[in-house]
Amino acid sequence: MLRNIPGEKILAGDLNLPGNLPSKLSGFRSLAAAATYPSWKEKIQFDYIMAKKGLIKNNKVAATLIKSTGRPIISDHIPIGVELKFQ
């Protein structure tokens, strides 16, 4: 679906896929690595912020992980965030 939309893309969300599966399936690369599940003892990354490989390879975007503070009360996932800088 994203292939049909022109321009550079960033994909973010709860993908419920561990390890490098999101990259293999989407062709996107993760901008931040952080365990996000379960919220009470994070062990696995299920939530991602990703960009097309060309954006990262060509240094068009850089990301800094924003660490989550505290525990979410209503979610079994820890939030993930990044500060993006476009070149």
PDB file of N, CA and C in Angstrom:
ATOM      1  N   MET A   1       0.814  -1.185   0.000  1.00  0.00           N
ATOM      2  CA  MET A   1       0.000   0.000   0.000  1.00  0.00           C
ATOM      3  C   MET A   1       0.867   1.262   0.000  1.00  0.00           C
ATOM      4  N   LEU A   2       1.915   1.289   0.810  1.00  0.00           N
ATOM      5  CA  LEU A   2       2.787   2.468   0.847  1.00  0.00           C
ATOM      6  C   LEU A   2       3.555   2.653  -0.457  1.00  0.00           C
ATOM      7  N   ARG A   3       3.778   1.559  -1.188  1.00  0.00           N
ATOM      8  CA  ARG A   3       4.498   1.657  -2.460  1.00  0.00           C
ATOM      9  C   ARG A   3       3.795   2.563  -3.454  1.00  0.00           C
ATOM     10  N   ASN A   4       2.485   2.646  -3.353  1.00  0.00           N
ATOM     11  CA  ASN A   4       1.695   3.441  -4.293  1.00  0.00           C
ATOM     12  C   ASN A   4       1.656   4.922  -3.944  1.00  0.00           C
ATOM     13  N   ILE A   5       2.186   5.293  -2.802  1.00  0.00           N
ATOM     14  CA  ILE A   5       2.190   6.693  -2.371  1.00  0.00           C
ATOM     15  C   ILE A   5       3.570   7.275  -2.670  1.00  0.00           C
ATOM     16  N   PRO A   6       3.643   8.345  -3.470  1.00  0.00           N
ATOM     17  CA  PRO A   6       4.952   8.904  -3.819  1.00  0.00           C
ATOM     18  C   PRO A   6       5.617   9.611  -2.636  1.00  0.00           C
ATOM     19  N   GLY A   7       6.936   9.767  -2.737  1.00  0.00           N
ATOM     20  CA  GLY A   7       7.684  10.515  -1.733  1.00  0.00           C
ATOM     21  C   GLY A   7       8.305   9.635  -0.666  1.00  0.00           C
ATOM     22  N   GLU A   8       9.064  10.287   0.213  1.00  0.00           N
ATOM     23  CA  GLU A   8       9.727   9.593   1.320  1.00  0.00           C
ATOM     24  C   GLU A   8       8.700   9.265   2.399  1.00  0.00           C
ATOM     25  N   LYS A   9       8.963   8.202   3.150  1.00  0.00           N
ATOM     26  CA  LYS A   9       7.983   7.748   4.122  1.00  0.00           C
ATOM     27  C   LYS A   9       8.630   7.383   5.450  1.00  0.00           C
ATOM     28  N   ILE A  10       7.858   7.614   6.510  1.00  0.00           N
ATOM     29  CA  ILE A  10       8.205   7.140   7.848  1.00  0.00           C
ATOM     30  C   ILE A  10       7.015   6.335   8.329  1.00  0.00           C
ATOM     31  N   LEU A  11       7.288   5.172   8.895  1.00  0.00           N
ATOM     32  CA  LEU A  11       6.254   4.261   9.368  1.00  0.00           C
ATOM     33  C   LEU A  11       6.403   4.128  10.877  1.00  0.00           C
ATOM     34  N   ALA A  12       5.321   4.297  11.611  1.00  0.00           N
ATOM     35  CA  ALA A  12       5.382   4.187  13.071  1.00  0.00           C
ATOM     36  C   ALA A  12       4.157   3.452  13.575  1.00  0.00           C
ATOM     37  N   GLY A  13       4.359   2.638  14.601  1.00  0.00           N
ATOM     38  CA  GLY A  13       3.208   1.999  15.209  1.00  0.00           C
ATOM     39  C   GLY A  13       3.540   0.700  15.909  1.00  0.00           C
ATOM     40  N   ASP A  14       2.496   0.099  16.439  1.00  0.00           N
ATOM     41  CA  ASP A  14       2.551  -1.193  17.109  1.00  0.00           C
ATOM     42  C   ASP A  14       2.418  -2.256  16.028  1.00  0.00           C
ATOM     43  N   LEU A  15       3.525  -2.860  15.647  1.00  0.00           N
ATOM     44  CA  LEU A  15       3.514  -3.849  14.571  1.00  0.00           C
ATOM     45  C   LEU A  15       3.387  -5.274  15.090  1.00  0.00           C
ATOM     46  N   ASN A  16       3.559  -5.463  16.405  1.00  0.00           N
ATOM     47  CA  ASN A  16       3.478  -6.788  17.021  1.00  0.00           C
ATOM     48  C   ASN A  16       4.335  -7.822  16.302  1.00  0.00           C
ATOM     49  N   LEU A  17       5.487  -7.389  15.824  1.00  0.00           N
ATOM     50  CA  LEU A  17       6.451  -8.282  15.187  1.00  0.00           C
ATOM     51  C   LEU A  17       7.796  -8.107  15.879  1.00  0.00           C
ATOM     52  N   PRO A  18       8.450  -9.207  16.275  1.00  0.00           N
ATOM     53  CA  PRO A  18       9.722  -9.092  16.982  1.00  0.00           C
ATOM     54  C   PRO A  18      10.921  -9.011  16.036  1.00  0.00           C
ATOM     55  N   GLY A  19      12.042  -8.619  16.606  1.00  0.00           N
ATOM     56  CA  GLY A  19      13.325  -8.665  15.911  1.00  0.00           C
ATOM     57  C   GLY A  19      13.369  -7.863  14.631  1.00  0.00           C
ATOM     58  N   ASN A  20      13.969  -8.464  13.590  1.00  0.00           N
ATOM     59  CA  ASN A  20      14.119  -7.750  12.327  1.00  0.00           C
ATOM     60  C   ASN A  20      12.998  -8.063  11.332  1.00  0.00           C
ATOM     61  N   LEU A  21      11.943  -8.729  11.771  1.00  0.00           N
ATOM     62  CA  LEU A  21      10.819  -9.029  10.873  1.00  0.00           C
ATOM     63  C   LEU A  21      10.189  -7.780  10.258  1.00  0.00           C
ATOM     64  N   PRO A  22       9.964  -6.706  11.026  1.00  0.00           N
ATOM     65  CA  PRO A  22       9.382  -5.514  10.399  1.00  0.00           C
ATOM     66  C   PRO A  22      10.234  -4.978   9.247  1.00  0.00           C
ATOM     67  N   SER A  23      11.553  -4.983   9.401  1.00  0.00           N
ATOM     68  CA  SER A  23      12.437  -4.512   8.329  1.00  0.00           C
ATOM     69  C   SER A  23      12.382  -5.437   7.122  1.00  0.00           C
ATOM     70  N   LYS A  24      12.422  -6.733   7.370  1.00  0.00           N
ATOM     71  CA  LYS A  24      12.375  -7.700   6.268  1.00  0.00           C
ATOM     72  C   LYS A  24      11.073  -7.602   5.485  1.00  0.00           C
ATOM     73  N   LEU A  25       9.972  -7.436   6.188  1.00  0.00           N
ATOM     74  CA  LEU A  25       8.665  -7.419   5.533  1.00  0.00           C
ATOM     75  C   LEU A  25       8.334  -6.089   4.869  1.00  0.00           C
ATOM     76  N   SER A  26       8.867  -4.990   5.400  1.00  0.00           N
ATOM     77  CA  SER A  26       8.456  -3.669   4.917  1.00  0.00           C
ATOM     78  C   SER A  26       9.480  -2.975   4.023  1.00  0.00           C
ATOM     79  N   GLY A  27      10.751  -3.351   4.140  1.00  0.00           N
ATOM     80  CA  GLY A  27      11.787  -2.621   3.424  1.00  0.00           C
ATOM     81  C   GLY A  27      12.178  -1.328   4.127  1.00  0.00           C
ATOM     82  N   PHE A  28      11.660  -1.108   5.317  1.00  0.00           N
ATOM     83  CA  PHE A  28      11.995   0.060   6.127  1.00  0.00           C
ATOM     84  C   PHE A  28      13.055  -0.348   7.145  1.00  0.00           C
ATOM     85  N   ARG A  29      13.774   0.632   7.691  1.00  0.00           N
ATOM     86  CA  ARG A  29      14.747   0.376   8.759  1.00  0.00           C
ATOM     87  C   ARG A  29      14.309   1.079  10.022  1.00  0.00           C
ATOM     88  N   SER A  30      14.562   0.429  11.139  1.00  0.00           N
ATOM     89  CA  SER A  30      14.194   1.001  12.430  1.00  0.00           C
ATOM     90  C   SER A  30      15.063   2.214  12.743  1.00  0.00           C
ATOM     91  N   LEU A  31      14.430   3.261  13.256  1.00  0.00           N
ATOM     92  CA  LEU A  31      15.150   4.467  13.673  1.00  0.00           C
ATOM     93  C   LEU A  31      15.501   4.431  15.152  1.00  0.00           C
ATOM     94  N   ALA A  32      14.930   3.489  15.890  1.00  0.00           N
ATOM     95  CA  ALA A  32      15.184   3.402  17.327  1.00  0.00           C
ATOM     96  C   ALA A  32      15.011   1.960  17.783  1.00  0.00           C
ATOM     97  N   ALA A  33      15.951   1.496  18.562  1.00  0.00           N
ATOM     98  CA  ALA A  33      15.867   0.152  19.113  1.00  0.00           C
ATOM     99  C   ALA A  33      15.600   0.253  20.609  1.00  0.00           C
ATOM    100  N   ALA A  34      14.456  -0.271  21.026  1.00  0.00           N
ATOM    101  CA  ALA A  34      14.107  -0.260  22.447  1.00  0.00           C
ATOM    102  C   ALA A  34      13.039  -1.313  22.695  1.00  0.00           C
ATOM    103  N   ALA A  35      13.227  -2.101  23.735  1.00  0.00           N
ATOM    104  CA  ALA A  35      12.199  -3.071  24.103  1.00  0.00           C
ATOM    105  C   ALA A  35      10.951  -2.320  24.558  1.00  0.00           C
ATOM    106  N   THR A  36       9.792  -2.720  24.065  1.00  0.00           N
ATOM    107  CA  THR A  36       8.544  -2.011  24.375  1.00  0.00           C
ATOM    108  C   THR A  36       7.461  -2.909  24.958  1.00  0.00           C
ATOM    109  N   TYR A  37       7.731  -4.217  25.063  1.00  0.00           N
ATOM    110  CA  TYR A  37       6.701  -5.134  25.543  1.00  0.00           C
ATOM    111  C   TYR A  37       7.335  -6.222  26.395  1.00  0.00           C
ATOM    112  N   PRO A  38       6.668  -6.671  27.460  1.00  0.00           N
ATOM    113  CA  PRO A  38       5.513  -6.081  28.124  1.00  0.00           C
ATOM    114  C   PRO A  38       5.925  -4.873  28.970  1.00  0.00           C
ATOM    115  N   SER A  39       4.987  -4.019  29.252  1.00  0.00           N
ATOM    116  CA  SER A  39       5.297  -2.760  29.943  1.00  0.00           C
ATOM    117  C   SER A  39       5.836  -2.981  31.354  1.00  0.00           C
ATOM    118  N   TRP A  40       5.507  -4.087  31.972  1.00  0.00           N
ATOM    119  CA  TRP A  40       5.950  -4.323  33.346  1.00  0.00           C
ATOM    120  C   TRP A  40       7.360  -4.916  33.396  1.00  0.00           C
ATOM    121  N   LYS A  41       7.897  -5.382  32.275  1.00  0.00           N
ATOM    122  CA  LYS A  41       9.271  -5.898  32.224  1.00  0.00           C
ATOM    123  C   LYS A  41       9.657  -6.055  30.754  1.00  0.00           C
ATOM    124  N   GLU A  42       9.990  -4.929  30.109  1.00  0.00           N
ATOM    125  CA  GLU A  42      10.211  -4.920  28.668  1.00  0.00           C
ATOM    126  C   GLU A  42      11.301  -5.905  28.253  1.00  0.00           C
ATOM    127  N   LYS A  43      10.966  -6.761  27.276  1.00  0.00           N
ATOM    128  CA  LYS A  43      11.916  -7.740  26.766  1.00  0.00           C
ATOM    129  C   LYS A  43      11.986  -7.739  25.239  1.00  0.00           C
ATOM    130  N   ILE A  44      10.906  -7.317  24.579  1.00  0.00           N
ATOM    131  CA  ILE A  44      10.789  -7.434  23.127  1.00  0.00           C
ATOM    132  C   ILE A  44      10.377  -6.092  22.533  1.00  0.00           C
ATOM    133  N   GLN A  45      10.891  -5.774  21.364  1.00  0.00           N
ATOM    134  CA  GLN A  45      10.424  -4.579  20.659  1.00  0.00           C
ATOM    135  C   GLN A  45       9.293  -4.981  19.720  1.00  0.00           C
ATOM    136  N   PHE A  46       8.098  -4.454  19.991  1.00  0.00           N
ATOM    137  CA  PHE A  46       6.928  -4.662  19.131  1.00  0.00           C
ATOM    138  C   PHE A  46       6.488  -3.348  18.494  1.00  0.00           C
ATOM    139  N   ASP A  47       6.975  -2.237  19.006  1.00  0.00           N
ATOM    140  CA  ASP A  47       6.567  -0.909  18.542  1.00  0.00           C
ATOM    141  C   ASP A  47       7.764  -0.266  17.844  1.00  0.00           C
ATOM    142  N   TYR A  48       7.518   0.331  16.685  1.00  0.00           N
ATOM    143  CA  TYR A  48       8.619   0.790  15.840  1.00  0.00           C
ATOM    144  C   TYR A  48       8.371   2.177  15.278  1.00  0.00           C
ATOM    145  N   ILE A  49       9.461   2.869  15.007  1.00  0.00           N
ATOM    146  CA  ILE A  49       9.476   4.075  14.184  1.00  0.00           C
ATOM    147  C   ILE A  49      10.533   3.779  13.131  1.00  0.00           C
ATOM    148  N   MET A  50      10.094   3.737  11.875  1.00  0.00           N
ATOM    149  CA  MET A  50      10.956   3.262  10.796  1.00  0.00           C
ATOM    150  C   MET A  50      10.941   4.241   9.624  1.00  0.00           C
ATOM    151  N   ALA A  51      12.004   4.196   8.823  1.00  0.00           N
ATOM    152  CA  ALA A  51      12.091   5.027   7.622  1.00  0.00           C
ATOM    153  C   ALA A  51      12.568   4.155   6.467  1.00  0.00           C
ATOM    154  N   LYS A  52      12.268   4.591   5.256  1.00  0.00           N
ATOM    155  CA  LYS A  52      12.774   3.882   4.084  1.00  0.00           C
ATOM    156  C   LYS A  52      14.294   3.854   4.149  1.00  0.00           C
ATOM    157  N   LYS A  53      14.872   2.750   3.717  1.00  0.00           N
ATOM    158  CA  LYS A  53      16.323   2.565   3.810  1.00  0.00           C
ATOM    159  C   LYS A  53      17.096   3.691   3.135  1.00  0.00           C
ATOM    160  N   GLY A  54      16.596   4.215   2.026  1.00  0.00           N
ATOM    161  CA  GLY A  54      17.282   5.290   1.309  1.00  0.00           C
ATOM    162  C   GLY A  54      17.420   6.557   2.129  1.00  0.00           C
ATOM    163  N   LEU A  55      16.431   6.856   2.954  1.00  0.00           N
ATOM    164  CA  LEU A  55      16.503   8.043   3.817  1.00  0.00           C
ATOM    165  C   LEU A  55      17.662   7.937   4.793  1.00  0.00           C
ATOM    166  N   ILE A  56      17.838   6.757   5.364  1.00  0.00           N
ATOM    167  CA  ILE A  56      18.890   6.546   6.357  1.00  0.00           C
ATOM    168  C   ILE A  56      20.249   6.423   5.664  1.00  0.00           C
ATOM    169  N   LYS A  57      20.312   5.615   4.616  1.00  0.00           N
ATOM    170  CA  LYS A  57      21.566   5.373   3.905  1.00  0.00           C
ATOM    171  C   LYS A  57      22.156   6.666   3.348  1.00  0.00           C
ATOM    172  N   ASN A  58      21.314   7.541   2.860  1.00  0.00           N
ATOM    173  CA  ASN A  58      21.772   8.800   2.267  1.00  0.00           C
ATOM    174  C   ASN A  58      21.832   9.942   3.279  1.00  0.00           C
ATOM    175  N   ASN A  59      21.741   9.597   4.561  1.00  0.00           N
ATOM    176  CA  ASN A  59      21.817  10.581   5.655  1.00  0.00           C
ATOM    177  C   ASN A  59      20.807  11.711   5.511  1.00  0.00           C
ATOM    178  N   LYS A  60      19.616  11.393   5.023  1.00  0.00           N
ATOM    179  CA  LYS A  60      18.567  12.403   4.891  1.00  0.00           C
ATOM    180  C   LYS A  60      17.773  12.565   6.180  1.00  0.00           C
ATOM    181  N   VAL A  61      17.862  11.567   7.058  1.00  0.00           N
ATOM    182  CA  VAL A  61      17.153  11.646   8.331  1.00  0.00           C
ATOM    183  C   VAL A  61      18.025  11.029   9.425  1.00  0.00           C
ATOM    184  N   ALA A  62      17.988  11.628  10.598  1.00  0.00           N
ATOM    185  CA  ALA A  62      18.670  11.095  11.776  1.00  0.00           C
ATOM    186  C   ALA A  62      17.665  11.096  12.920  1.00  0.00           C
ATOM    187  N   ALA A  63      17.768  10.118  13.790  1.00  0.00           N
ATOM    188  CA  ALA A  63      16.809  10.009  14.884  1.00  0.00           C
ATOM    189  C   ALA A  63      17.531   9.802  16.202  1.00  0.00           C
ATOM    190  N   THR A  64      17.021  10.433  17.238  1.00  0.00           N
ATOM    191  CA  THR A  64      17.511  10.251  18.597  1.00  0.00           C
ATOM    192  C   THR A  64      16.371   9.679  19.423  1.00  0.00           C
ATOM    193  N   LEU A  65      16.617   8.551  20.073  1.00  0.00           N
ATOM    194  CA  LEU A  65      15.596   7.900  20.892  1.00  0.00           C
ATOM    195  C   LEU A  65      15.222   8.779  22.072  1.00  0.00           C
ATOM    196  N   ILE A  66      13.932   8.916  22.317  1.00  0.00           N
ATOM    197  CA  ILE A  66      13.430   9.619  23.494  1.00  0.00           C
ATOM    198  C   ILE A  66      13.013   8.549  24.489  1.00  0.00           C
ATOM    199  N   LYS A  67      13.720   8.469  25.593  1.00  0.00           N
ATOM    200  CA  LYS A  67      13.437   7.445  26.600  1.00  0.00           C
ATOM    201  C   LYS A  67      12.123   7.731  27.312  1.00  0.00           C
ATOM    202  N   SER A  68      11.345   6.689  27.506  1.00  0.00           N
ATOM    203  CA  SER A  68      10.085   6.797  28.228  1.00  0.00           C
ATOM    204  C   SER A  68      10.371   6.826  29.724  1.00  0.00           C
ATOM    205  N   THR A  69       9.628   7.657  30.443  1.00  0.00           N
ATOM    206  CA  THR A  69       9.769   7.690  31.899  1.00  0.00           C
ATOM    207  C   THR A  69       8.461   7.241  32.520  1.00  0.00           C
ATOM    208  N   GLY A  70       8.554   6.442  33.531  1.00  0.00           N
ATOM    209  CA  GLY A  70       7.351   5.934  34.176  1.00  0.00           C
ATOM    210  C   GLY A  70       6.746   4.772  33.416  1.00  0.00           C
ATOM    211  N   ARG A  71       5.750   4.205  33.973  1.00  0.00           N
ATOM    212  CA  ARG A  71       5.063   3.055  33.392  1.00  0.00           C
ATOM    213  C   ARG A  71       3.660   3.455  32.962  1.00  0.00           C
ATOM    214  N   PRO A  72       3.236   3.005  31.774  1.00  0.00           N
ATOM    215  CA  PRO A  72       1.864   3.313  31.360  1.00  0.00           C
ATOM    216  C   PRO A  72       0.865   2.550  32.223  1.00  0.00           C
ATOM    217  N   ILE A  73      -0.226   3.178  32.528  1.00  0.00           N
ATOM    218  CA  ILE A  73      -1.236   2.552  33.374  1.00  0.00           C
ATOM    219  C   ILE A  73      -2.195   1.701  32.553  1.00  0.00           C
ATOM    220  N   ILE A  74      -2.472   2.118  31.327  1.00  0.00           N
ATOM    221  CA  ILE A  74      -3.524   1.448  30.560  1.00  0.00           C
ATOM    222  C   ILE A  74      -3.015   0.639  29.378  1.00  0.00           C
ATOM    223  N   SER A  75      -1.723   0.469  29.243  1.00  0.00           N
ATOM    224  CA  SER A  75      -1.201  -0.256  28.090  1.00  0.00           C
ATOM    225  C   SER A  75      -0.221  -1.325  28.531  1.00  0.00           C
ATOM    226  N   ASP A  76      -0.140  -2.378  27.735  1.00  0.00           N
ATOM    227  CA  ASP A  76       0.854  -3.406  27.999  1.00  0.00           C
ATOM    228  C   ASP A  76       2.138  -3.152  27.204  1.00  0.00           C
ATOM    229  N   HIS A  77       2.217  -1.987  26.532  1.00  0.00           N
ATOM    230  CA  HIS A  77       3.403  -1.590  25.779  1.00  0.00           C
ATOM    231  C   HIS A  77       3.971  -0.289  26.349  1.00  0.00           C
ATOM    232  N   ILE A  78       5.296  -0.148  26.290  1.00  0.00           N
ATOM    233  CA  ILE A  78       5.974   1.099  26.646  1.00  0.00           C
ATOM    234  C   ILE A  78       5.984   1.982  25.398  1.00  0.00           C
ATOM    235  N   PRO A  79       5.690   3.272  25.528  1.00  0.00           N
ATOM    236  CA  PRO A  79       5.745   4.138  24.342  1.00  0.00           C
ATOM    237  C   PRO A  79       7.175   4.295  23.822  1.00  0.00           C
ATOM    238  N   ILE A  80       7.290   4.493  22.529  1.00  0.00           N
ATOM    239  CA  ILE A  80       8.587   4.744  21.911  1.00  0.00           C
ATOM    240  C   ILE A  80       8.482   6.052  21.135  1.00  0.00           C
ATOM    241  N   GLY A  81       9.522   6.854  21.215  1.00  0.00           N
ATOM    242  CA  GLY A  81       9.513   8.130  20.506  1.00  0.00           C
ATOM    243  C   GLY A  81      10.906   8.479  20.023  1.00  0.00           C
ATOM    244  N   VAL A  82      10.965   9.282  18.983  1.00  0.00           N
ATOM    245  CA  VAL A  82      12.243   9.760  18.477  1.00  0.00           C
ATOM    246  C   VAL A  82      12.134  11.235  18.129  1.00  0.00           C
ATOM    247  N   GLU A  83      13.252  11.905  18.201  1.00  0.00           N
ATOM    248  CA  GLU A  83      13.359  13.260  17.663  1.00  0.00           C
ATOM    249  C   GLU A  83      13.998  13.109  16.291  1.00  0.00           C
ATOM    250  N   LEU A  84      13.303  13.572  15.268  1.00  0.00           N
ATOM    251  CA  LEU A  84      13.786  13.433  13.897  1.00  0.00           C
ATOM    252  C   LEU A  84      14.469  14.707  13.432  1.00  0.00           C
ATOM    253  N   LYS A  85      15.560  14.535  12.703  1.00  0.00           N
ATOM    254  CA  LYS A  85      16.246  15.664  12.073  1.00  0.00           C
ATOM    255  C   LYS A  85      16.411  15.320  10.603  1.00  0.00           C
ATOM    256  N   PHE A  86      15.880  16.189   9.749  1.00  0.00           N
ATOM    257  CA  PHE A  86      15.974  15.979   8.308  1.00  0.00           C
ATOM    258  C   PHE A  86      17.080  16.850   7.735  1.00  0.00           C
ATOM    259  N   GLN A  87      17.894  16.280   6.861  1.00  0.00           N
ATOM    260  CA  GLN A  87      19.015  17.001   6.245  1.00  0.00           C
ATOM    261  C   GLN A  87      18.570  17.592   4.923  1.00  0.00           C
TER     262      GLN A  87
END
